[in-house]
Amino acid sequence: LATAKACWEKLKPCVGMYHPARYALVEIENLHD
């Protein structure tokens, strides 16, 4: 996720805020599962 963030920060000035790389696909889970 830190890598996705670093890539987005590098790409953002070139593509603006509306780009698929702004988001990262994840699985969320409940701590209490």
PDB file of all heavy atoms in Angstrom:
ATOM      1  N   LEU A   1       0.836  -1.203   0.000  1.00  0.00           N
ATOM      2  CA  LEU A   1       0.000   0.000   0.000  1.00  0.00           C
ATOM      3  C   LEU A   1       0.869   1.252   0.000  1.00  0.00           C
ATOM      4  O   LEU A   1       0.543   2.250  -0.663  1.00  0.00           O
ATOM      5  CB  LEU A   1      -0.941  -0.002   1.207  1.00  0.00           C
ATOM      6  CG  LEU A   1      -2.085   1.013   1.137  1.00  0.00           C
ATOM      7  CD1 LEU A   1      -2.979   0.749  -0.067  1.00  0.00           C
ATOM      8  CD2 LEU A   1      -2.918   1.000   2.414  1.00  0.00           C
ATOM      9  N   ALA A   2       1.987   1.208   0.717  1.00  0.00           N
ATOM     10  CA  ALA A   2       2.917   2.350   0.706  1.00  0.00           C
ATOM     11  C   ALA A   2       3.478   2.570  -0.698  1.00  0.00           C
ATOM     12  O   ALA A   2       3.703   3.714  -1.112  1.00  0.00           O
ATOM     13  CB  ALA A   2       4.048   2.112   1.708  1.00  0.00           C
ATOM     14  N   THR A   3       3.710   1.491  -1.422  1.00  0.00           N
ATOM     15  CA  THR A   3       4.191   1.608  -2.801  1.00  0.00           C
ATOM     16  C   THR A   3       3.128   2.238  -3.693  1.00  0.00           C
ATOM     17  O   THR A   3       3.431   3.103  -4.523  1.00  0.00           O
ATOM     18  CB  THR A   3       4.572   0.219  -3.342  1.00  0.00           C
ATOM     19  OG1 THR A   3       5.637  -0.308  -2.548  1.00  0.00           O
ATOM     20  CG2 THR A   3       5.004   0.291  -4.796  1.00  0.00           C
ATOM     21  N   ALA A   4       1.877   1.815  -3.527  1.00  0.00           N
ATOM     22  CA  ALA A   4       0.783   2.424  -4.296  1.00  0.00           C
ATOM     23  C   ALA A   4       0.706   3.917  -4.013  1.00  0.00           C
ATOM     24  O   ALA A   4       0.481   4.728  -4.924  1.00  0.00           O
ATOM     25  CB  ALA A   4      -0.533   1.736  -3.953  1.00  0.00           C
ATOM     26  N   LYS A   5       0.882   4.296  -2.756  1.00  0.00           N
ATOM     27  CA  LYS A   5       0.864   5.708  -2.367  1.00  0.00           C
ATOM     28  C   LYS A   5       2.013   6.471  -3.032  1.00  0.00           C
ATOM     29  O   LYS A   5       1.808   7.569  -3.574  1.00  0.00           O
ATOM     30  CB  LYS A   5       0.964   5.814  -0.841  1.00  0.00           C
ATOM     31  CG  LYS A   5       1.122   7.227  -0.297  1.00  0.00           C
ATOM     32  CD  LYS A   5      -0.150   8.040  -0.403  1.00  0.00           C
ATOM     33  CE  LYS A   5      -0.024   9.349   0.374  1.00  0.00           C
ATOM     34  NZ  LYS A   5      -1.252  10.158   0.287  1.00  0.00           N
ATOM     35  N   ALA A   6       3.213   5.899  -2.991  1.00  0.00           N
ATOM     36  CA  ALA A   6       4.375   6.574  -3.574  1.00  0.00           C
ATOM     37  C   ALA A   6       4.202   6.744  -5.085  1.00  0.00           C
ATOM     38  O   ALA A   6       4.546   7.800  -5.650  1.00  0.00           O
ATOM     39  CB  ALA A   6       5.641   5.788  -3.264  1.00  0.00           C
ATOM     40  N   CYS A   7       3.670   5.727  -5.746  1.00  0.00           N
ATOM     41  CA  CYS A   7       3.443   5.823  -7.189  1.00  0.00           C
ATOM     42  C   CYS A   7       2.387   6.883  -7.508  1.00  0.00           C
ATOM     43  O   CYS A   7       2.522   7.640  -8.478  1.00  0.00           O
ATOM     44  CB  CYS A   7       3.007   4.468  -7.741  1.00  0.00           C
ATOM     45  SG  CYS A   7       4.321   3.229  -7.808  1.00  0.00           S
ATOM     46  N   TRP A   8       1.337   6.948  -6.678  1.00  0.00           N
ATOM     47  CA  TRP A   8       0.291   7.940  -6.894  1.00  0.00           C
ATOM     48  C   TRP A   8       0.831   9.357  -6.711  1.00  0.00           C
ATOM     49  O   TRP A   8       0.538  10.250  -7.519  1.00  0.00           O
ATOM     50  CB  TRP A   8      -0.888   7.682  -5.965  1.00  0.00           C
ATOM     51  CG  TRP A   8      -1.871   8.828  -5.895  1.00  0.00           C
ATOM     52  CD1 TRP A   8      -2.238   9.543  -4.798  1.00  0.00           C
ATOM     53  CD2 TRP A   8      -2.595   9.403  -6.989  1.00  0.00           C
ATOM     54  NE1 TRP A   8      -3.143  10.507  -5.120  1.00  0.00           N
ATOM     55  CE2 TRP A   8      -3.387  10.449  -6.470  1.00  0.00           C
ATOM     56  CE3 TRP A   8      -2.652   9.126  -8.354  1.00  0.00           C
ATOM     57  CZ2 TRP A   8      -4.213  11.224  -7.274  1.00  0.00           C
ATOM     58  CZ3 TRP A   8      -3.482   9.908  -9.160  1.00  0.00           C
ATOM     59  CH2 TRP A   8      -4.256  10.943  -8.614  1.00  0.00           C
ATOM     60  N   GLU A   9       1.620   9.583  -5.692  1.00  0.00           N
ATOM     61  CA  GLU A   9       2.169  10.922  -5.455  1.00  0.00           C
ATOM     62  C   GLU A   9       3.066  11.353  -6.605  1.00  0.00           C
ATOM     63  O   GLU A   9       3.114  12.532  -6.973  1.00  0.00           O
ATOM     64  CB  GLU A   9       2.949  10.943  -4.138  1.00  0.00           C
ATOM     65  CG  GLU A   9       2.077  10.807  -2.897  1.00  0.00           C
ATOM     66  CD  GLU A   9       1.092  11.952  -2.730  1.00  0.00           C
ATOM     67  OE1 GLU A   9       1.394  13.089  -3.152  1.00  0.00           O
ATOM     68  OE2 GLU A   9      -0.013  11.713  -2.185  1.00  0.00           O
ATOM     69  N   LYS A  10       3.774  10.395  -7.191  1.00  0.00           N
ATOM     70  CA  LYS A  10       4.644  10.700  -8.329  1.00  0.00           C
ATOM     71  C   LYS A  10       3.834  10.983  -9.585  1.00  0.00           C
ATOM     72  O   LYS A  10       4.182  11.853 -10.391  1.00  0.00           O
ATOM     73  CB  LYS A  10       5.596   9.523  -8.556  1.00  0.00           C
ATOM     74  CG  LYS A  10       6.633   9.744  -9.635  1.00  0.00           C
ATOM     75  CD  LYS A  10       7.587   8.556  -9.715  1.00  0.00           C
ATOM     76  CE  LYS A  10       8.616   8.755 -10.819  1.00  0.00           C
ATOM     77  NZ  LYS A  10       9.546   7.594 -10.904  1.00  0.00           N
ATOM     78  N   LEU A  11       2.724  10.271  -9.739  1.00  0.00           N
ATOM     79  CA  LEU A  11       1.903  10.393 -10.948  1.00  0.00           C
ATOM     80  C   LEU A  11       0.939  11.570 -10.889  1.00  0.00           C
ATOM     81  O   LEU A  11       0.630  12.185 -11.926  1.00  0.00           O
ATOM     82  CB  LEU A  11       1.114   9.083 -11.130  1.00  0.00           C
ATOM     83  CG  LEU A  11       0.226   8.937 -12.364  1.00  0.00           C
ATOM     84  CD1 LEU A  11       1.080   8.940 -13.633  1.00  0.00           C
ATOM     85  CD2 LEU A  11      -0.597   7.656 -12.273  1.00  0.00           C
ATOM     86  N   LYS A  12       0.491  11.929  -9.704  1.00  0.00           N
ATOM     87  CA  LYS A  12      -0.575  12.911  -9.520  1.00  0.00           C
ATOM     88  C   LYS A  12      -0.335  14.242 -10.238  1.00  0.00           C
ATOM     89  O   LYS A  12      -1.270  14.756 -10.888  1.00  0.00           O
ATOM     90  CB  LYS A  12      -0.805  13.132  -8.021  1.00  0.00           C
ATOM     91  CG  LYS A  12      -1.909  14.103  -7.685  1.00  0.00           C
ATOM     92  CD  LYS A  12      -2.299  14.024  -6.212  1.00  0.00           C
ATOM     93  CE  LYS A  12      -1.140  14.195  -5.260  1.00  0.00           C
ATOM     94  NZ  LYS A  12      -1.568  14.262  -3.846  1.00  0.00           N
ATOM     95  N   PRO A  13       0.856  14.832 -10.177  1.00  0.00           N
ATOM     96  CA  PRO A  13       1.046  16.122 -10.865  1.00  0.00           C
ATOM     97  C   PRO A  13       0.858  16.035 -12.380  1.00  0.00           C
ATOM     98  O   PRO A  13       0.572  17.049 -13.028  1.00  0.00           O
ATOM     99  CB  PRO A  13       2.497  16.490 -10.520  1.00  0.00           C
ATOM    100  CG  PRO A  13       2.815  15.717  -9.279  1.00  0.00           C
ATOM    101  CD  PRO A  13       2.057  14.447  -9.416  1.00  0.00           C
ATOM    102  N   CYS A  14       0.987  14.843 -12.929  1.00  0.00           N
ATOM    103  CA  CYS A  14       0.884  14.670 -14.383  1.00  0.00           C
ATOM    104  C   CYS A  14      -0.538  14.361 -14.845  1.00  0.00           C
ATOM    105  O   CYS A  14      -0.890  14.669 -15.992  1.00  0.00           O
ATOM    106  CB  CYS A  14       1.804  13.539 -14.841  1.00  0.00           C
ATOM    107  SG  CYS A  14       3.526  13.724 -14.340  1.00  0.00           S
ATOM    108  N   VAL A  15      -1.355  13.771 -13.982  1.00  0.00           N
ATOM    109  CA  VAL A  15      -2.663  13.272 -14.435  1.00  0.00           C
ATOM    110  C   VAL A  15      -3.841  13.927 -13.725  1.00  0.00           C
ATOM    111  O   VAL A  15      -4.989  13.744 -14.136  1.00  0.00           O
ATOM    112  CB  VAL A  15      -2.754  11.737 -14.259  1.00  0.00           C
ATOM    113  CG1 VAL A  15      -1.675  11.046 -15.084  1.00  0.00           C
ATOM    114  CG2 VAL A  15      -2.652  11.339 -12.786  1.00  0.00           C
ATOM    115  N   GLY A  16      -3.597  14.668 -12.647  1.00  0.00           N
ATOM    116  CA  GLY A  16      -4.692  15.256 -11.898  1.00  0.00           C
ATOM    117  C   GLY A  16      -5.306  14.263 -10.927  1.00  0.00           C
ATOM    118  O   GLY A  16      -4.842  13.130 -10.771  1.00  0.00           O
ATOM    119  N   MET A  17      -6.388  14.697 -10.275  1.00  0.00           N
ATOM    120  CA  MET A  17      -6.954  13.927  -9.164  1.00  0.00           C
ATOM    121  C   MET A  17      -7.897  12.811  -9.597  1.00  0.00           C
ATOM    122  O   MET A  17      -8.233  11.941  -8.798  1.00  0.00           O
ATOM    123  CB  MET A  17      -7.703  14.867  -8.216  1.00  0.00           C
ATOM    124  CG  MET A  17      -6.808  15.931  -7.577  1.00  0.00           C
ATOM    125  SD  MET A  17      -5.472  15.227  -6.583  1.00  0.00           S
ATOM    126  CE  MET A  17      -6.398  14.615  -5.182  1.00  0.00           C
ATOM    127  N   TYR A  18      -8.321  12.812 -10.851  1.00  0.00           N
ATOM    128  CA  TYR A  18      -9.307  11.829 -11.294  1.00  0.00           C
ATOM    129  C   TYR A  18      -8.623  10.777 -12.158  1.00  0.00           C
ATOM    130  O   TYR A  18      -8.601  10.866 -13.384  1.00  0.00           O
ATOM    131  CB  TYR A  18     -10.452  12.522 -12.038  1.00  0.00           C
ATOM    132  CG  TYR A  18     -11.141  13.559 -11.185  1.00  0.00           C
ATOM    133  CD1 TYR A  18     -10.818  14.906 -11.303  1.00  0.00           C
ATOM    134  CD2 TYR A  18     -12.086  13.186 -10.226  1.00  0.00           C
ATOM    135  CE1 TYR A  18     -11.435  15.864 -10.495  1.00  0.00           C
ATOM    136  CE2 TYR A  18     -12.701  14.128  -9.421  1.00  0.00           C
ATOM    137  CZ  TYR A  18     -12.363  15.468  -9.557  1.00  0.00           C
ATOM    138  OH  TYR A  18     -12.964  16.406  -8.746  1.00  0.00           O
ATOM    139  N   HIS A  19      -8.045   9.816 -11.486  1.00  0.00           N
ATOM    140  CA  HIS A  19      -7.262   8.781 -12.159  1.00  0.00           C
ATOM    141  C   HIS A  19      -7.385   7.493 -11.352  1.00  0.00           C
ATOM    142  O   HIS A  19      -7.418   7.529 -10.114  1.00  0.00           O
ATOM    143  CB  HIS A  19      -5.796   9.210 -12.261  1.00  0.00           C
ATOM    144  CG  HIS A  19      -4.965   8.331 -13.143  1.00  0.00           C
ATOM    145  ND1 HIS A  19      -4.412   7.154 -12.706  1.00  0.00           N
ATOM    146  CD2 HIS A  19      -4.586   8.458 -14.449  1.00  0.00           C
ATOM    147  CE1 HIS A  19      -3.731   6.588 -13.696  1.00  0.00           C
ATOM    148  NE2 HIS A  19      -3.822   7.360 -14.756  1.00  0.00           N
ATOM    149  N   PRO A  20      -7.452   6.325 -12.013  1.00  0.00           N
ATOM    150  CA  PRO A  20      -7.625   5.071 -11.259  1.00  0.00           C
ATOM    151  C   PRO A  20      -6.497   4.773 -10.280  1.00  0.00           C
ATOM    152  O   PRO A  20      -6.712   4.076  -9.278  1.00  0.00           O
ATOM    153  CB  PRO A  20      -7.721   4.003 -12.354  1.00  0.00           C
ATOM    154  CG  PRO A  20      -7.227   4.642 -13.601  1.00  0.00           C
ATOM    155  CD  PRO A  20      -7.513   6.101 -13.470  1.00  0.00           C
ATOM    156  N   ALA A  21      -5.293   5.298 -10.528  1.00  0.00           N
ATOM    157  CA  ALA A  21      -4.167   5.026  -9.636  1.00  0.00           C
ATOM    158  C   ALA A  21      -4.304   5.737  -8.299  1.00  0.00           C
ATOM    159  O   ALA A  21      -3.515   5.479  -7.374  1.00  0.00           O
ATOM    160  CB  ALA A  21      -2.854   5.423 -10.296  1.00  0.00           C
ATOM    161  N   ARG A  22      -5.295   6.615  -8.167  1.00  0.00           N
ATOM    162  CA  ARG A  22      -5.530   7.273  -6.878  1.00  0.00           C
ATOM    163  C   ARG A  22      -6.040   6.273  -5.841  1.00  0.00           C
ATOM    164  O   ARG A  22      -5.932   6.519  -4.636  1.00  0.00           O
ATOM    165  CB  ARG A  22      -6.537   8.410  -7.059  1.00  0.00           C
ATOM    166  CG  ARG A  22      -6.989   9.043  -5.756  1.00  0.00           C
ATOM    167  CD  ARG A  22      -7.875  10.237  -5.968  1.00  0.00           C
ATOM    168  NE  ARG A  22      -8.479  10.679  -4.717  1.00  0.00           N
ATOM    169  CZ  ARG A  22      -9.138  11.831  -4.550  1.00  0.00           C
ATOM    170  NH1 ARG A  22      -9.276  12.653  -5.575  1.00  0.00           N
ATOM    171  NH2 ARG A  22      -9.657  12.156  -3.376  1.00  0.00           N
ATOM    172  N   TYR A  23      -6.572   5.160  -6.295  1.00  0.00           N
ATOM    173  CA  TYR A  23      -7.170   4.170  -5.401  1.00  0.00           C
ATOM    174  C   TYR A  23      -6.365   2.873  -5.436  1.00  0.00           C
ATOM    175  O   TYR A  23      -5.658   2.583  -6.409  1.00  0.00           O
ATOM    176  CB  TYR A  23      -8.628   3.904  -5.806  1.00  0.00           C
ATOM    177  CG  TYR A  23      -9.494   5.131  -5.674  1.00  0.00           C
ATOM    178  CD1 TYR A  23      -9.584   6.046  -6.723  1.00  0.00           C
ATOM    179  CD2 TYR A  23     -10.179   5.398  -4.498  1.00  0.00           C
ATOM    180  CE1 TYR A  23     -10.362   7.200  -6.607  1.00  0.00           C
ATOM    181  CE2 TYR A  23     -10.962   6.545  -4.372  1.00  0.00           C
ATOM    182  CZ  TYR A  23     -11.041   7.436  -5.426  1.00  0.00           C
ATOM    183  OH  TYR A  23     -11.797   8.581  -5.284  1.00  0.00           O
ATOM    184  N   ALA A  24      -6.483   2.109  -4.386  1.00  0.00           N
ATOM    185  CA  ALA A  24      -5.817   0.804  -4.303  1.00  0.00           C
ATOM    186  C   ALA A  24      -6.831  -0.238  -3.857  1.00  0.00           C
ATOM    187  O   ALA A  24      -7.558  -0.037  -2.880  1.00  0.00           O
ATOM    188  CB  ALA A  24      -4.646   0.857  -3.329  1.00  0.00           C
ATOM    189  N   LEU A  25      -6.874  -1.343  -4.576  1.00  0.00           N
ATOM    190  CA  LEU A  25      -7.793  -2.429  -4.255  1.00  0.00           C
ATOM    191  C   LEU A  25      -7.275  -3.209  -3.045  1.00  0.00           C
ATOM    192  O   LEU A  25      -6.093  -3.564  -2.990  1.00  0.00           O
ATOM    193  CB  LEU A  25      -7.934  -3.360  -5.459  1.00  0.00           C
ATOM    194  CG  LEU A  25      -9.148  -4.292  -5.492  1.00  0.00           C
ATOM    195  CD1 LEU A  25     -10.438  -3.497  -5.571  1.00  0.00           C
ATOM    196  CD2 LEU A  25      -9.037  -5.259  -6.674  1.00  0.00           C
ATOM    197  N   VAL A  26      -8.157  -3.453  -2.084  1.00  0.00           N
ATOM    198  CA  VAL A  26      -7.775  -4.156  -0.858  1.00  0.00           C
ATOM    199  C   VAL A  26      -8.917  -5.077  -0.429  1.00  0.00           C
ATOM    200  O   VAL A  26     -10.023  -4.995  -0.952  1.00  0.00           O
ATOM    201  CB  VAL A  26      -7.460  -3.174   0.300  1.00  0.00           C
ATOM    202  CG1 VAL A  26      -6.411  -2.157  -0.099  1.00  0.00           C
ATOM    203  CG2 VAL A  26      -8.735  -2.468   0.787  1.00  0.00           C
ATOM    204  N   GLU A  27      -8.627  -5.925   0.529  1.00  0.00           N
ATOM    205  CA  GLU A  27      -9.675  -6.663   1.236  1.00  0.00           C
ATOM    206  C   GLU A  27      -9.716  -6.145   2.661  1.00  0.00           C
ATOM    207  O   GLU A  27      -8.681  -6.095   3.332  1.00  0.00           O
ATOM    208  CB  GLU A  27      -9.392  -8.165   1.244  1.00  0.00           C
ATOM    209  CG  GLU A  27     -10.444  -8.960   2.024  1.00  0.00           C
ATOM    210  CD  GLU A  27     -10.163 -10.454   2.096  1.00  0.00           C
ATOM    211  OE1 GLU A  27      -9.401 -10.959   1.254  1.00  0.00           O
ATOM    212  OE2 GLU A  27     -10.704 -11.113   3.019  1.00  0.00           O
ATOM    213  N   ILE A  28     -10.899  -5.724   3.118  1.00  0.00           N
ATOM    214  CA  ILE A  28     -11.028  -5.330   4.515  1.00  0.00           C
ATOM    215  C   ILE A  28     -11.590  -6.508   5.311  1.00  0.00           C
ATOM    216  O   ILE A  28     -12.391  -7.292   4.806  1.00  0.00           O
ATOM    217  CB  ILE A  28     -11.905  -4.062   4.700  1.00  0.00           C
ATOM    218  CG1 ILE A  28     -13.359  -4.320   4.320  1.00  0.00           C
ATOM    219  CG2 ILE A  28     -11.329  -2.891   3.923  1.00  0.00           C
ATOM    220  CD1 ILE A  28     -14.303  -3.193   4.769  1.00  0.00           C
ATOM    221  N   GLU A  29     -11.120  -6.623   6.549  1.00  0.00           N
ATOM    222  CA  GLU A  29     -11.591  -7.671   7.447  1.00  0.00           C
ATOM    223  C   GLU A  29     -11.839  -7.057   8.817  1.00  0.00           C
ATOM    224  O   GLU A  29     -11.218  -6.048   9.181  1.00  0.00           O
ATOM    225  CB  GLU A  29     -10.570  -8.809   7.558  1.00  0.00           C
ATOM    226  CG  GLU A  29     -10.380  -9.579   6.259  1.00  0.00           C
ATOM    227  CD  GLU A  29      -9.459 -10.777   6.418  1.00  0.00           C
ATOM    228  OE1 GLU A  29      -8.853 -10.933   7.502  1.00  0.00           O
ATOM    229  OE2 GLU A  29      -9.346 -11.573   5.460  1.00  0.00           O
ATOM    230  N   ASN A  30     -12.736  -7.682   9.561  1.00  0.00           N
ATOM    231  CA  ASN A  30     -13.063  -7.198  10.900  1.00  0.00           C
ATOM    232  C   ASN A  30     -12.074  -7.772  11.911  1.00  0.00           C
ATOM    233  O   ASN A  30     -11.880  -8.989  11.987  1.00  0.00           O
ATOM    234  CB  ASN A  30     -14.492  -7.600  11.269  1.00  0.00           C
ATOM    235  CG  ASN A  30     -14.931  -7.031  12.609  1.00  0.00           C
ATOM    236  OD1 ASN A  30     -14.231  -6.214  13.229  1.00  0.00           O
ATOM    237  ND2 ASN A  30     -16.092  -7.449  13.084  1.00  0.00           N
ATOM    238  N   LEU A  31     -11.469  -6.907  12.690  1.00  0.00           N
ATOM    239  CA  LEU A  31     -10.547  -7.334  13.735  1.00  0.00           C
ATOM    240  C   LEU A  31     -11.175  -8.390  14.640  1.00  0.00           C
ATOM    241  O   LEU A  31     -10.481  -9.253  15.187  1.00  0.00           O
ATOM    242  CB  LEU A  31     -10.129  -6.107  14.556  1.00  0.00           C
ATOM    243  CG  LEU A  31      -9.098  -6.289  15.666  1.00  0.00           C
ATOM    244  CD1 LEU A  31      -7.736  -6.616  15.078  1.00  0.00           C
ATOM    245  CD2 LEU A  31      -9.020  -5.037  16.534  1.00  0.00           C
ATOM    246  N   HIS A  32     -12.501  -8.343  14.788  1.00  0.00           N
ATOM    247  CA  HIS A  32     -13.199  -9.219  15.726  1.00  0.00           C
ATOM    248  C   HIS A  32     -13.769 -10.479  15.066  1.00  0.00           C
ATOM    249  O   HIS A  32     -14.533 -11.208  15.704  1.00  0.00           O
ATOM    250  CB  HIS A  32     -14.311  -8.427  16.426  1.00  0.00           C
ATOM    251  CG  HIS A  32     -13.789  -7.236  17.167  1.00  0.00           C
ATOM    252  ND1 HIS A  32     -13.262  -7.312  18.435  1.00  0.00           N
ATOM    253  CD2 HIS A  32     -13.658  -5.938  16.777  1.00  0.00           C
ATOM    254  CE1 HIS A  32     -12.863  -6.111  18.815  1.00  0.00           C
ATOM    255  NE2 HIS A  32     -13.087  -5.261  17.825  1.00  0.00           N
ATOM    256  N   ASP A  33     -13.383 -10.738  13.833  1.00  0.00           N
ATOM    257  CA  ASP A  33     -13.777 -11.977  13.173  1.00  0.00           C
ATOM    258  C   ASP A  33     -13.123 -13.144  13.922  1.00  0.00           C
ATOM    259  O   ASP A  33     -11.900 -13.180  14.065  1.00  0.00           O
ATOM    260  CB  ASP A  33     -13.303 -11.951  11.716  1.00  0.00           C
ATOM    261  CG  ASP A  33     -13.830 -13.111  10.887  1.00  0.00           C
ATOM    262  OD1 ASP A  33     -13.958 -14.230  11.441  1.00  0.00           O
ATOM    263  OD2 ASP A  33     -14.098 -12.916   9.690  1.00  0.00           O
TER     264      ASP A  33
END
